[in-house]
C-alpha atoms as a PDB file:
ATOM      1  CA  UNK A   1      -0.059   0.114   0.044  1.00  0.00           C
ATOM      2  CA  UNK A   2       1.192   3.641  -0.660  1.00  0.00           C
ATOM      3  CA  UNK A   3       0.356   6.690   0.969  1.00  0.00           C
ATOM      4  CA  UNK A   4      -2.286   8.646  -1.182  1.00  0.00           C
ATOM      5  CA  UNK A   5      -1.297  11.941   0.017  1.00  0.00           C
ATOM      6  CA  UNK A   6       0.766  14.144  -2.500  1.00  0.00           C
ATOM      7  CA  UNK A   7       4.318  14.802  -1.398  1.00  0.00           C
ATOM      8  CA  UNK A   8       4.386  15.819   2.200  1.00  0.00           C
ATOM      9  CA  UNK A   9       6.540  16.567   5.198  1.00  0.00           C
ATOM     10  CA  UNK A  10       4.182  14.984   7.776  1.00  0.00           C
ATOM     11  CA  UNK A  11       5.121  11.710   8.969  1.00  0.00           C
ATOM     12  CA  UNK A  12       1.609  10.569   8.926  1.00  0.00           C
ATOM     13  CA  UNK A  13       0.764   8.471   5.804  1.00  0.00           C
ATOM     14  CA  UNK A  14      -2.986   7.423   4.640  1.00  0.00           C
ATOM     15  CA  UNK A  15      -3.872   4.593   2.358  1.00  0.00           C
ATOM     16  CA  UNK A  16      -7.501   4.080   1.390  1.00  0.00           C
ATOM     17  CA  UNK A  17      -8.701   0.497   2.366  1.00  0.00           C
ATOM     18  CA  UNK A  18     -12.440   0.774   1.290  1.00  0.00           C
ATOM     19  CA  UNK A  19     -15.073   3.112   0.618  1.00  0.00           C
ATOM     20  CA  UNK A  20     -17.902   0.740   1.299  1.00  0.00           C
ATOM     21  CA  UNK A  21     -18.755   2.311   4.629  1.00  0.00           C
ATOM     22  CA  UNK A  22     -21.325   4.617   5.784  1.00  0.00           C
ATOM     23  CA  UNK A  23     -22.392   7.322   3.110  1.00  0.00           C
ATOM     24  CA  UNK A  24     -19.753   9.995   3.304  1.00  0.00           C
ATOM     25  CA  UNK A  25     -16.904   8.073   4.880  1.00  0.00           C
ATOM     26  CA  UNK A  26     -14.331   5.591   4.194  1.00  0.00           C
ATOM     27  CA  UNK A  27     -11.916   3.229   5.946  1.00  0.00           C
ATOM     28  CA  UNK A  28      -8.236   4.347   5.853  1.00  0.00           C
ATOM     29  CA  UNK A  29      -5.180   2.716   7.079  1.00  0.00           C
ATOM     30  CA  UNK A  30      -2.979   5.269   8.944  1.00  0.00           C
ATOM     31  CA  UNK A  31       0.764   4.647   9.589  1.00  0.00           C
ATOM     32  CA  UNK A  32       3.612   6.256  11.306  1.00  0.00           C
ATOM     33  CA  UNK A  33       7.000   4.786  10.384  1.00  0.00           C
ATOM     34  CA  UNK A  34       7.180   0.948   9.647  1.00  0.00           C
ATOM     35  CA  UNK A  35       5.905  -0.235  13.192  1.00  0.00           C
ATOM     36  CA  UNK A  36       2.777   1.834  14.117  1.00  0.00           C
ATOM     37  CA  UNK A  37      -0.612   1.501  12.230  1.00  0.00           C
ATOM     38  CA  UNK A  38      -4.263   2.009  12.909  1.00  0.00           C
ATOM     39  CA  UNK A  39      -7.546   1.765  11.058  1.00  0.00           C
ATOM     40  CA  UNK A  40      -9.412   4.980  11.023  1.00  0.00           C
ATOM     41  CA  UNK A  41     -12.907   5.837   9.661  1.00  0.00           C
ATOM     42  CA  UNK A  42     -12.666   9.381   8.192  1.00  0.00           C
ATOM     43  CA  UNK A  43     -15.174  11.553   6.423  1.00  0.00           C
ATOM     44  CA  UNK A  44     -14.883  12.258   2.779  1.00  0.00           C
ATOM     45  CA  UNK A  45     -13.412  15.471   1.575  1.00  0.00           C
ATOM     46  CA  UNK A  46     -16.243  17.689   0.311  1.00  0.00           C
ATOM     47  CA  UNK A  47     -14.375  19.696  -2.228  1.00  0.00           C
ATOM     48  CA  UNK A  48     -15.040  19.320  -6.018  1.00  0.00           C
ATOM     49  CA  UNK A  49     -13.017  20.344  -8.831  1.00  0.00           C
ATOM     50  CA  UNK A  50     -13.561  23.363 -10.557  1.00  0.00           C
ATOM     51  CA  UNK A  51     -15.963  23.407 -13.450  1.00  0.00           C
ATOM     52  CA  UNK A  52     -19.530  22.341 -13.953  1.00  0.00           C
ATOM     53  CA  UNK A  53     -18.521  18.527 -14.205  1.00  0.00           C
ATOM     54  CA  UNK A  54     -15.766  18.748 -11.371  1.00  0.00           C
ATOM     55  CA  UNK A  55     -14.873  15.382  -9.747  1.00  0.00           C
ATOM     56  CA  UNK A  56     -15.018  14.989  -5.949  1.00  0.00           C
ATOM     57  CA  UNK A  57     -11.587  14.964  -4.123  1.00  0.00           C
ATOM     58  CA  UNK A  58     -10.699  11.204  -3.319  1.00  0.00           C
ATOM     59  CA  UNK A  59      -9.307  11.959   0.077  1.00  0.00           C
ATOM     60  CA  UNK A  60     -10.666  12.691   3.376  1.00  0.00           C
ATOM     61  CA  UNK A  61     -11.786  15.734   5.024  1.00  0.00           C
ATOM     62  CA  UNK A  62      -9.169  18.180   6.489  1.00  0.00           C
ATOM     63  CA  UNK A  63      -6.375  16.546   4.442  1.00  0.00           C
ATOM     64  CA  UNK A  64      -3.453  19.265   4.437  1.00  0.00           C
ATOM     65  CA  UNK A  65      -2.382  18.601   1.072  1.00  0.00           C
ATOM     66  CA  UNK A  66      -3.471  19.150  -2.471  1.00  0.00           C
ATOM     67  CA  UNK A  67      -6.806  17.731  -3.633  1.00  0.00           C
ATOM     68  CA  UNK A  68      -6.529  14.691  -5.867  1.00  0.00           C
ATOM     69  CA  UNK A  69      -7.056  16.740  -9.086  1.00  0.00           C
ATOM     70  CA  UNK A  70      -4.400  19.023  -7.975  1.00  0.00           C
ATOM     71  CA  UNK A  71      -1.742  16.351  -8.281  1.00  0.00           C
ATOM     72  CA  UNK A  72      -0.877  16.501 -12.059  1.00  0.00           C
ATOM     73  CA  UNK A  73       2.173  14.254 -11.666  1.00  0.00           C
ATOM     74  CA  UNK A  74       0.702  11.312 -10.822  1.00  0.00           C
ATOM     75  CA  UNK A  75      -2.883   9.922 -11.590  1.00  0.00           C
ATOM     76  CA  UNK A  76      -4.866   9.094  -8.396  1.00  0.00           C
ATOM     77  CA  UNK A  77      -7.511   6.614  -8.420  1.00  0.00           C
ATOM     78  CA  UNK A  78     -10.404   6.742  -5.814  1.00  0.00           C
ATOM     79  CA  UNK A  79     -10.698   2.941  -5.759  1.00  0.00           C
ATOM     80  CA  UNK A  80      -7.112   2.458  -4.299  1.00  0.00           C
END
């Protein structure tokens, strides 16, 4: 599993496990280094890309980095 956040200085990393949770939330794996992990249920990011057909951000609410459509260097999939 790879961290789905864009390049960041924070040592917390997040990988999407499933979005088959309650509406508006997803189950994420959070890890710090190689030895510490936890499962977290996080609300979906409410932001949508600019434009009339803007896709929703595939990350969780309150992520500190770019939205998924801002990351032009790497294509990000919501389905993990």
